[in-house]
Protein backbone atom coordinates (compact mmCIF):
# COMPACT_ATOMS: atom_id res chain seq x y z
CA UNK A 1 0.00 0.00 0.00
CA UNK A 2 0.95 3.68 0.03
CA UNK A 3 2.36 3.50 3.58
CA UNK A 4 4.72 0.68 2.59
CA UNK A 5 6.01 2.59 -0.42
CA UNK A 6 6.98 5.51 1.87
CA UNK A 7 9.03 3.38 4.26
CA UNK A 8 12.25 3.96 2.27
CA UNK A 9 11.78 7.73 2.64
CA UNK A 10 11.89 7.36 6.44
CA UNK A 11 15.64 6.67 6.23
CA UNK A 12 16.51 9.76 4.14
CA UNK A 13 18.56 12.22 6.25
CA UNK A 14 17.54 15.89 6.22
CA UNK A 15 19.41 18.95 7.49
CA UNK A 16 17.91 20.39 10.69
CA UNK A 17 19.04 23.78 12.01
CA UNK A 18 18.04 25.67 15.15
CA UNK A 19 18.65 29.36 14.45
CA UNK A 20 19.15 31.53 17.52
CA UNK A 21 19.02 34.74 15.52
CA UNK A 22 20.41 36.53 12.50
CA UNK A 23 22.45 39.63 11.82
CA UNK A 24 23.15 41.75 8.75
CA UNK A 25 26.74 42.97 8.72
CA UNK A 26 28.50 45.10 6.09
CA UNK A 27 31.45 43.29 4.48
CA UNK A 28 33.87 45.93 5.80
CA UNK A 29 32.75 45.27 9.38
CA UNK A 30 32.96 41.51 8.85
CA UNK A 31 36.57 41.81 7.65
CA UNK A 32 37.51 43.77 10.80
CA UNK A 33 36.00 41.22 13.20
CA UNK A 34 38.30 39.85 15.88
CA UNK A 35 37.97 37.25 18.60
CA UNK A 36 35.95 38.61 21.51
CA UNK A 37 33.84 41.03 19.43
CA UNK A 38 30.06 40.83 19.90
CA UNK A 39 27.78 40.20 16.93
CA UNK A 40 24.32 41.47 17.86
CA UNK A 41 21.45 39.24 16.71
CA UNK A 42 17.89 40.22 15.83
CA UNK A 43 16.46 38.34 18.83
CA UNK A 44 16.02 39.21 22.47
CA UNK A 45 16.95 36.93 25.36
CA UNK A 46 14.14 34.43 25.93
CA UNK A 47 12.66 34.73 22.44
CA UNK A 48 12.09 31.42 20.64
CA UNK A 49 14.59 29.97 18.18
CA UNK A 50 13.51 29.04 14.65
CA UNK A 51 13.87 25.41 13.58
CA UNK A 52 14.55 24.80 9.89
CA UNK A 53 14.47 21.54 7.93
CA UNK A 54 16.29 21.80 4.60
CA UNK A 55 16.17 25.63 4.80
CA UNK A 56 12.39 25.75 5.41
CA UNK A 57 11.13 26.99 8.78
CA UNK A 58 9.01 24.24 10.34
CA UNK A 59 8.85 25.11 14.04
CA UNK A 60 9.83 27.44 16.86
CA UNK A 61 11.24 26.35 20.16
CA UNK A 62 13.18 27.09 23.32
CA UNK A 63 16.82 26.27 23.96
CA UNK A 64 17.40 23.70 26.69
CA UNK A 65 20.27 21.69 28.14
CA UNK A 66 20.23 17.89 27.64
CA UNK A 67 23.10 15.95 29.25
CA UNK A 68 25.56 18.86 28.80
CA UNK A 69 24.45 19.39 25.16
CA UNK A 70 22.18 22.09 23.79
CA UNK A 71 18.77 21.02 22.51
CA UNK A 72 15.53 22.67 21.44
CA UNK A 73 12.08 21.99 22.85
CA UNK A 74 9.54 22.53 20.07
CA UNK A 75 6.84 24.92 21.25
CA UNK A 76 5.06 25.71 17.98
CA UNK A 77 4.81 23.94 14.62
CA UNK A 78 4.76 26.45 11.75
CA UNK A 79 2.06 25.84 9.17
CA UNK A 80 3.24 26.57 5.63
CA UNK A 81 1.04 28.81 3.52
CA UNK A 82 0.30 27.56 0.03
PDB file of N, CA and C in Angstrom:
ATOM      1  N   UNK A   1       0.815  -1.195   0.000  1.00  0.00           N
ATOM      2  CA  UNK A   1       0.000   0.000   0.000  1.00  0.00           C
ATOM      3  C   UNK A   1       0.850   1.247   0.000  1.00  0.00           C
ATOM      4  N   UNK A   2       0.218   2.413   0.065  1.00  0.00           N
ATOM      5  CA  UNK A   2       0.947   3.678   0.030  1.00  0.00           C
ATOM      6  C   UNK A   2       1.893   3.849   1.216  1.00  0.00           C
ATOM      7  N   UNK A   3       1.500   3.351   2.395  1.00  0.00           N
ATOM      8  CA  UNK A   3       2.361   3.500   3.580  1.00  0.00           C
ATOM      9  C   UNK A   3       3.638   2.693   3.398  1.00  0.00           C
ATOM     10  N   UNK A   4       3.554   1.521   2.830  1.00  0.00           N
ATOM     11  CA  UNK A   4       4.721   0.681   2.590  1.00  0.00           C
ATOM     12  C   UNK A   4       5.686   1.317   1.614  1.00  0.00           C
ATOM     13  N   UNK A   5       5.154   1.985   0.591  1.00  0.00           N
ATOM     14  CA  UNK A   5       6.014   2.595  -0.418  1.00  0.00           C
ATOM     15  C   UNK A   5       6.771   3.800   0.148  1.00  0.00           C
ATOM     16  N   UNK A   6       6.302   4.364   1.255  1.00  0.00           N
ATOM     17  CA  UNK A   6       6.977   5.508   1.871  1.00  0.00           C
ATOM     18  C   UNK A   6       8.038   5.107   2.882  1.00  0.00           C
ATOM     19  N   UNK A   7       8.112   3.804   3.207  1.00  0.00           N
ATOM     20  CA  UNK A   7       9.030   3.382   4.261  1.00  0.00           C
ATOM     21  C   UNK A   7      10.486   3.699   3.928  1.00  0.00           C
ATOM     22  N   UNK A   8      10.867   3.641   2.661  1.00  0.00           N
ATOM     23  CA  UNK A   8      12.248   3.955   2.265  1.00  0.00           C
ATOM     24  C   UNK A   8      12.572   5.428   2.535  1.00  0.00           C
ATOM     25  N   UNK A   9      11.582   6.287   2.414  1.00  0.00           N
ATOM     26  CA  UNK A   9      11.775   7.729   2.639  1.00  0.00           C
ATOM     27  C   UNK A   9      12.112   8.009   4.101  1.00  0.00           C
ATOM     28  N   UNK A  10      11.639   7.161   5.012  1.00  0.00           N
ATOM     29  CA  UNK A  10      11.886   7.357   6.445  1.00  0.00           C
ATOM     30  C   UNK A  10      13.365   7.356   6.790  1.00  0.00           C
ATOM     31  N   UNK A  11      14.201   6.763   5.959  1.00  0.00           N
ATOM     32  CA  UNK A  11      15.637   6.665   6.225  1.00  0.00           C
ATOM     33  C   UNK A  11      16.444   7.797   5.590  1.00  0.00           C
ATOM     34  N   UNK A  12      15.788   8.677   4.822  1.00  0.00           N
ATOM     35  CA  UNK A  12      16.507   9.761   4.138  1.00  0.00           C
ATOM     36  C   UNK A  12      16.866  10.846   5.146  1.00  0.00           C
ATOM     37  N   UNK A  13      18.175  11.165   5.293  1.00  0.00           N
ATOM     38  CA  UNK A  13      18.558  12.222   6.245  1.00  0.00           C
ATOM     39  C   UNK A  13      18.225  13.607   5.703  1.00  0.00           C
ATOM     40  N   UNK A  14      17.789  14.491   6.593  1.00  0.00           N
ATOM     41  CA  UNK A  14      17.541  15.889   6.224  1.00  0.00           C
ATOM     42  C   UNK A  14      18.361  16.775   7.147  1.00  0.00           C
ATOM     43  N   UNK A  15      18.602  18.004   6.721  1.00  0.00           N
ATOM     44  CA  UNK A  15      19.406  18.947   7.490  1.00  0.00           C
ATOM     45  C   UNK A  15      18.492  19.762   8.396  1.00  0.00           C
ATOM     46  N   UNK A  16      18.707  19.655   9.713  1.00  0.00           N
ATOM     47  CA  UNK A  16      17.905  20.387  10.688  1.00  0.00           C
ATOM     48  C   UNK A  16      18.789  21.441  11.345  1.00  0.00           C
ATOM     49  N   UNK A  17      18.300  22.684  11.383  1.00  0.00           N
ATOM     50  CA  UNK A  17      19.036  23.783  12.012  1.00  0.00           C
ATOM     51  C   UNK A  17      18.144  24.468  13.030  1.00  0.00           C
ATOM     52  N   UNK A  18      18.720  24.830  14.166  1.00  0.00           N
ATOM     53  CA  UNK A  18      18.036  25.672  15.147  1.00  0.00           C
ATOM     54  C   UNK A  18      18.748  27.016  15.111  1.00  0.00           C
ATOM     55  N   UNK A  19      18.043  28.049  14.656  1.00  0.00           N
ATOM     56  CA  UNK A  19      18.654  29.359  14.446  1.00  0.00           C
ATOM     57  C   UNK A  19      18.292  30.283  15.608  1.00  0.00           C
ATOM     58  N   UNK A  20      19.320  30.673  16.346  1.00  0.00           N
ATOM     59  CA  UNK A  20      19.147  31.527  17.523  1.00  0.00           C
ATOM     60  C   UNK A  20      18.802  32.960  17.139  1.00  0.00           C
ATOM     61  N   UNK A  21      19.280  33.395  15.997  1.00  0.00           N
ATOM     62  CA  UNK A  21      19.021  34.741  15.520  1.00  0.00           C
ATOM     63  C   UNK A  21      19.876  35.010  14.303  1.00  0.00           C
ATOM     64  N   UNK A  22      19.659  36.158  13.699  1.00  0.00           N
ATOM     65  CA  UNK A  22      20.407  36.527  12.498  1.00  0.00           C
ATOM     66  C   UNK A  22      20.930  37.940  12.650  1.00  0.00           C
ATOM     67  N   UNK A  23      21.909  38.268  11.833  1.00  0.00           N
ATOM     68  CA  UNK A  23      22.447  39.626  11.823  1.00  0.00           C
ATOM     69  C   UNK A  23      22.841  39.977  10.401  1.00  0.00           C
ATOM     70  N   UNK A  24      22.662  41.252  10.034  1.00  0.00           N
ATOM     71  CA  UNK A  24      23.152  41.748   8.753  1.00  0.00           C
ATOM     72  C   UNK A  24      24.362  42.615   9.057  1.00  0.00           C
ATOM     73  N   UNK A  25      25.485  42.289   8.439  1.00  0.00           N
ATOM     74  CA  UNK A  25      26.743  42.971   8.722  1.00  0.00           C
ATOM     75  C   UNK A  25      27.379  43.403   7.407  1.00  0.00           C
ATOM     76  N   UNK A  26      27.786  44.671   7.300  1.00  0.00           N
ATOM     77  CA  UNK A  26      28.501  45.101   6.094  1.00  0.00           C
ATOM     78  C   UNK A  26      29.819  44.340   5.962  1.00  0.00           C
ATOM     79  N   UNK A  27      30.227  44.059   4.730  1.00  0.00           N
ATOM     80  CA  UNK A  27      31.445  43.294   4.480  1.00  0.00           C
ATOM     81  C   UNK A  27      32.648  43.926   5.190  1.00  0.00           C
ATOM     82  N   UNK A  28      32.752  45.246   5.164  1.00  0.00           N
ATOM     83  CA  UNK A  28      33.874  45.928   5.801  1.00  0.00           C
ATOM     84  C   UNK A  28      33.958  45.634   7.288  1.00  0.00           C
ATOM     85  N   UNK A  29      32.796  45.577   7.941  1.00  0.00           N
ATOM     86  CA  UNK A  29      32.746  45.275   9.378  1.00  0.00           C
ATOM     87  C   UNK A  29      33.118  43.814   9.624  1.00  0.00           C
ATOM     88  N   UNK A  30      32.663  42.941   8.740  1.00  0.00           N
ATOM     89  CA  UNK A  30      32.956  41.515   8.846  1.00  0.00           C
ATOM     90  C   UNK A  30      34.463  41.266   8.755  1.00  0.00           C
ATOM     91  N   UNK A  31      35.124  41.964   7.845  1.00  0.00           N
ATOM     92  CA  UNK A  31      36.575  41.811   7.648  1.00  0.00           C
ATOM     93  C   UNK A  31      37.339  42.236   8.902  1.00  0.00           C
ATOM     94  N   UNK A  32      36.829  43.247   9.613  1.00  0.00           N
ATOM     95  CA  UNK A  32      37.512  43.766  10.803  1.00  0.00           C
ATOM     96  C   UNK A  32      37.211  42.980  12.076  1.00  0.00           C
ATOM     97  N   UNK A  33      36.374  41.956  11.987  1.00  0.00           N
ATOM     98  CA  UNK A  33      36.003  41.220  13.197  1.00  0.00           C
ATOM     99  C   UNK A  33      37.197  40.505  13.807  1.00  0.00           C
ATOM    100  N   UNK A  34      37.238  40.519  15.137  1.00  0.00           N
ATOM    101  CA  UNK A  34      38.303  39.854  15.884  1.00  0.00           C
ATOM    102  C   UNK A  34      37.665  39.005  16.981  1.00  0.00           C
ATOM    103  N   UNK A  35      38.431  38.081  17.500  1.00  0.00           N
ATOM    104  CA  UNK A  35      37.969  37.247  18.600  1.00  0.00           C
ATOM    105  C   UNK A  35      37.564  38.129  19.773  1.00  0.00           C
ATOM    106  N   UNK A  36      36.421  37.836  20.378  1.00  0.00           N
ATOM    107  CA  UNK A  36      35.947  38.613  21.515  1.00  0.00           C
ATOM    108  C   UNK A  36      34.947  39.692  21.143  1.00  0.00           C
ATOM    109  N   UNK A  37      34.827  40.022  19.852  1.00  0.00           N
ATOM    110  CA  UNK A  37      33.840  41.026  19.428  1.00  0.00           C
ATOM    111  C   UNK A  37      32.435  40.427  19.505  1.00  0.00           C
ATOM    112  N   UNK A  38      31.445  41.274  19.763  1.00  0.00           N
ATOM    113  CA  UNK A  38      30.063  40.828  19.897  1.00  0.00           C
ATOM    114  C   UNK A  38      29.313  41.091  18.599  1.00  0.00           C
ATOM    115  N   UNK A  39      28.638  40.081  18.106  1.00  0.00           N
ATOM    116  CA  UNK A  39      27.784  40.200  16.932  1.00  0.00           C
ATOM    117  C   UNK A  39      26.342  40.204  17.435  1.00  0.00           C
ATOM    118  N   UNK A  40      25.675  41.342  17.310  1.00  0.00           N
ATOM    119  CA  UNK A  40      24.323  41.468  17.856  1.00  0.00           C
ATOM    120  C   UNK A  40      23.302  40.832  16.923  1.00  0.00           C
ATOM    121  N   UNK A  41      22.464  39.942  17.488  1.00  0.00           N
ATOM    122  CA  UNK A  41      21.454  39.242  16.707  1.00  0.00           C
ATOM    123  C   UNK A  41      20.121  39.978  16.767  1.00  0.00           C
ATOM    124  N   UNK A  42      19.197  39.563  15.909  1.00  0.00           N
ATOM    125  CA  UNK A  42      17.889  40.219  15.830  1.00  0.00           C
ATOM    126  C   UNK A  42      16.885  39.666  16.832  1.00  0.00           C
ATOM    127  N   UNK A  43      17.343  38.927  17.821  1.00  0.00           N
ATOM    128  CA  UNK A  43      16.456  38.339  18.826  1.00  0.00           C
ATOM    129  C   UNK A  43      16.799  38.850  20.210  1.00  0.00           C
ATOM    130  N   UNK A  44      15.818  38.849  21.074  1.00  0.00           N
ATOM    131  CA  UNK A  44      16.016  39.207  22.474  1.00  0.00           C
ATOM    132  C   UNK A  44      16.190  37.932  23.287  1.00  0.00           C
ATOM    133  N   UNK A  45      16.793  38.062  24.451  1.00  0.00           N
ATOM    134  CA  UNK A  45      16.950  36.928  25.358  1.00  0.00           C
ATOM    135  C   UNK A  45      15.565  36.379  25.698  1.00  0.00           C
ATOM    136  N   UNK A  46      15.416  35.070  25.606  1.00  0.00           N
ATOM    137  CA  UNK A  46      14.140  34.434  25.933  1.00  0.00           C
ATOM    138  C   UNK A  46      13.206  34.264  24.753  1.00  0.00           C
ATOM    139  N   UNK A  47      13.510  34.913  23.620  1.00  0.00           N
ATOM    140  CA  UNK A  47      12.664  34.725  22.436  1.00  0.00           C
ATOM    141  C   UNK A  47      12.916  33.339  21.856  1.00  0.00           C
ATOM    142  N   UNK A  48      11.913  32.769  21.174  1.00  0.00           N
ATOM    143  CA  UNK A  48      12.090  31.422  20.637  1.00  0.00           C
ATOM    144  C   UNK A  48      13.105  31.373  19.500  1.00  0.00           C
ATOM    145  N   UNK A  49      13.702  30.193  19.313  1.00  0.00           N
ATOM    146  CA  UNK A  49      14.592  29.968  18.180  1.00  0.00           C
ATOM    147  C   UNK A  49      13.760  29.377  17.045  1.00  0.00           C
ATOM    148  N   UNK A  50      14.186  29.621  15.814  1.00  0.00           N
ATOM    149  CA  UNK A  50      13.512  29.044  14.647  1.00  0.00           C
ATOM    150  C   UNK A  50      14.179  27.728  14.292  1.00  0.00           C
ATOM    151  N   UNK A  51      13.360  26.719  13.978  1.00  0.00           N
ATOM    152  CA  UNK A  51      13.869  25.409  13.582  1.00  0.00           C
ATOM    153  C   UNK A  51      13.584  25.226  12.089  1.00  0.00           C
ATOM    154  N   UNK A  52      14.650  24.967  11.341  1.00  0.00           N
ATOM    155  CA  UNK A  52      14.553  24.798   9.885  1.00  0.00           C
ATOM    156  C   UNK A  52      14.881  23.364   9.509  1.00  0.00           C
ATOM    157  N   UNK A  53      14.144  22.822   8.540  1.00  0.00           N
ATOM    158  CA  UNK A  53      14.469  21.542   7.929  1.00  0.00           C
ATOM    159  C   UNK A  53      14.705  21.821   6.450  1.00  0.00           C
ATOM    160  N   UNK A  54      15.923  21.519   5.989  1.00  0.00           N
ATOM    161  CA  UNK A  54      16.293  21.801   4.600  1.00  0.00           C
ATOM    162  C   UNK A  54      15.941  23.234   4.201  1.00  0.00           C
ATOM    163  N   UNK A  55      16.338  24.189   5.042  1.00  0.00           N
ATOM    164  CA  UNK A  55      16.166  25.628   4.803  1.00  0.00           C
ATOM    165  C   UNK A  55      14.714  26.115   4.806  1.00  0.00           C
ATOM    166  N   UNK A  56      13.786  25.312   5.301  1.00  0.00           N
ATOM    167  CA  UNK A  56      12.387  25.750   5.414  1.00  0.00           C
ATOM    168  C   UNK A  56      12.006  25.752   6.890  1.00  0.00           C
ATOM    169  N   UNK A  57      11.486  26.908   7.359  1.00  0.00           N
ATOM    170  CA  UNK A  57      11.126  26.985   8.783  1.00  0.00           C
ATOM    171  C   UNK A  57       9.924  26.094   9.061  1.00  0.00           C
ATOM    172  N   UNK A  58      10.081  25.186  10.032  1.00  0.00           N
ATOM    173  CA  UNK A  58       9.011  24.237  10.344  1.00  0.00           C
ATOM    174  C   UNK A  58       8.491  24.369  11.767  1.00  0.00           C
ATOM    175  N   UNK A  59       9.273  25.022  12.639  1.00  0.00           N
ATOM    176  CA  UNK A  59       8.851  25.106  14.039  1.00  0.00           C
ATOM    177  C   UNK A  59       9.606  26.219  14.747  1.00  0.00           C
ATOM    178  N   UNK A  60       9.117  26.539  15.952  1.00  0.00           N
ATOM    179  CA  UNK A  60       9.827  27.435  16.861  1.00  0.00           C
ATOM    180  C   UNK A  60      10.000  26.682  18.166  1.00  0.00           C
ATOM    181  N   UNK A  61      11.014  27.073  18.919  1.00  0.00           N
ATOM    182  CA  UNK A  61      11.240  26.353  20.157  1.00  0.00           C
ATOM    183  C   UNK A  61      12.088  27.131  21.134  1.00  0.00           C
ATOM    184  N   UNK A  62      12.366  26.494  22.262  1.00  0.00           N
ATOM    185  CA  UNK A  62      13.176  27.092  23.325  1.00  0.00           C
ATOM    186  C   UNK A  62      14.434  26.266  23.518  1.00  0.00           C
ATOM    187  N   UNK A  63      15.555  26.955  23.724  1.00  0.00           N
ATOM    188  CA  UNK A  63      16.824  26.274  23.956  1.00  0.00           C
ATOM    189  C   UNK A  63      16.795  25.623  25.336  1.00  0.00           C
ATOM    190  N   UNK A  64      17.323  24.405  25.418  1.00  0.00           N
ATOM    191  CA  UNK A  64      17.403  23.703  26.690  1.00  0.00           C
ATOM    192  C   UNK A  64      18.706  22.918  26.752  1.00  0.00           C
ATOM    193  N   UNK A  65      19.063  22.479  27.940  1.00  0.00           N
ATOM    194  CA  UNK A  65      20.272  21.691  28.139  1.00  0.00           C
ATOM    195  C   UNK A  65      19.881  20.228  28.336  1.00  0.00           C
ATOM    196  N   UNK A  66      20.494  19.322  27.543  1.00  0.00           N
ATOM    197  CA  UNK A  66      20.225  17.890  27.636  1.00  0.00           C
ATOM    198  C   UNK A  66      21.561  17.178  27.800  1.00  0.00           C
ATOM    199  N   UNK A  67      21.841  16.662  28.995  1.00  0.00           N
ATOM    200  CA  UNK A  67      23.102  15.953  29.251  1.00  0.00           C
ATOM    201  C   UNK A  67      24.309  16.735  28.745  1.00  0.00           C
ATOM    202  N   UNK A  68      24.440  17.982  29.151  1.00  0.00           N
ATOM    203  CA  UNK A  68      25.557  18.863  28.801  1.00  0.00           C
ATOM    204  C   UNK A  68      25.605  19.237  27.320  1.00  0.00           C
ATOM    205  N   UNK A  69      24.540  18.970  26.571  1.00  0.00           N
ATOM    206  CA  UNK A  69      24.454  19.385  25.163  1.00  0.00           C
ATOM    207  C   UNK A  69      23.252  20.302  25.013  1.00  0.00           C
ATOM    208  N   UNK A  70      23.313  21.209  24.047  1.00  0.00           N
ATOM    209  CA  UNK A  70      22.176  22.088  23.788  1.00  0.00           C
ATOM    210  C   UNK A  70      21.133  21.352  22.950  1.00  0.00           C
ATOM    211  N   UNK A  71      19.874  21.574  23.280  1.00  0.00           N
ATOM    212  CA  UNK A  71      18.765  21.020  22.512  1.00  0.00           C
ATOM    213  C   UNK A  71      17.698  22.081  22.361  1.00  0.00           C
ATOM    214  N   UNK A  72      16.653  21.750  21.635  1.00  0.00           N
ATOM    215  CA  UNK A  72      15.532  22.673  21.437  1.00  0.00           C
ATOM    216  C   UNK A  72      14.235  21.938  21.723  1.00  0.00           C
ATOM    217  N   UNK A  73      13.430  22.502  22.619  1.00  0.00           N
ATOM    218  CA  UNK A  73      12.079  21.995  22.852  1.00  0.00           C
ATOM    219  C   UNK A  73      11.161  22.694  21.863  1.00  0.00           C
ATOM    220  N   UNK A  74      10.439  21.929  21.034  1.00  0.00           N
ATOM    221  CA  UNK A  74       9.540  22.534  20.068  1.00  0.00           C
ATOM    222  C   UNK A  74       8.295  23.048  20.784  1.00  0.00           C
ATOM    223  N   UNK A  75       7.993  24.316  20.592  1.00  0.00           N
ATOM    224  CA  UNK A  75       6.843  24.919  21.249  1.00  0.00           C
ATOM    225  C   UNK A  75       5.719  25.253  20.267  1.00  0.00           C
ATOM    226  N   UNK A  76       6.059  25.334  18.981  1.00  0.00           N
ATOM    227  CA  UNK A  76       5.057  25.714  17.980  1.00  0.00           C
ATOM    228  C   UNK A  76       5.472  25.137  16.634  1.00  0.00           C
ATOM    229  N   UNK A  77       4.558  24.432  15.970  1.00  0.00           N
ATOM    230  CA  UNK A  77       4.807  23.936  14.618  1.00  0.00           C
ATOM    231  C   UNK A  77       4.294  25.006  13.658  1.00  0.00           C
ATOM    232  N   UNK A  78       5.115  25.384  12.700  1.00  0.00           N
ATOM    233  CA  UNK A  78       4.760  26.452  11.753  1.00  0.00           C
ATOM    234  C   UNK A  78       4.037  25.836  10.566  1.00  0.00           C
ATOM    235  N   UNK A  79       2.832  26.310  10.315  1.00  0.00           N
ATOM    236  CA  UNK A  79       2.063  25.843   9.169  1.00  0.00           C
ATOM    237  C   UNK A  79       2.515  26.619   7.936  1.00  0.00           C
ATOM    238  N   UNK A  80       2.794  25.908   6.872  1.00  0.00           N
ATOM    239  CA  UNK A  80       3.238  26.568   5.632  1.00  0.00           C
ATOM    240  C   UNK A  80       2.018  27.051   4.849  1.00  0.00           C
ATOM    241  N   UNK A  81       2.108  28.286   4.370  1.00  0.00           N
ATOM    242  CA  UNK A  81       1.037  28.814   3.519  1.00  0.00           C
ATOM    243  C   UNK A  81       1.265  28.303   2.107  1.00  0.00           C
ATOM    244  N   UNK A  82       0.172  27.988   1.431  1.00  0.00           N
ATOM    245  CA  UNK A  82       0.300  27.562   0.032  1.00  0.00           C
ATOM    246  C   UNK A  82       0.404  26.129  -0.018  1.00  0.00           C
TER     247      UNK A  82
END
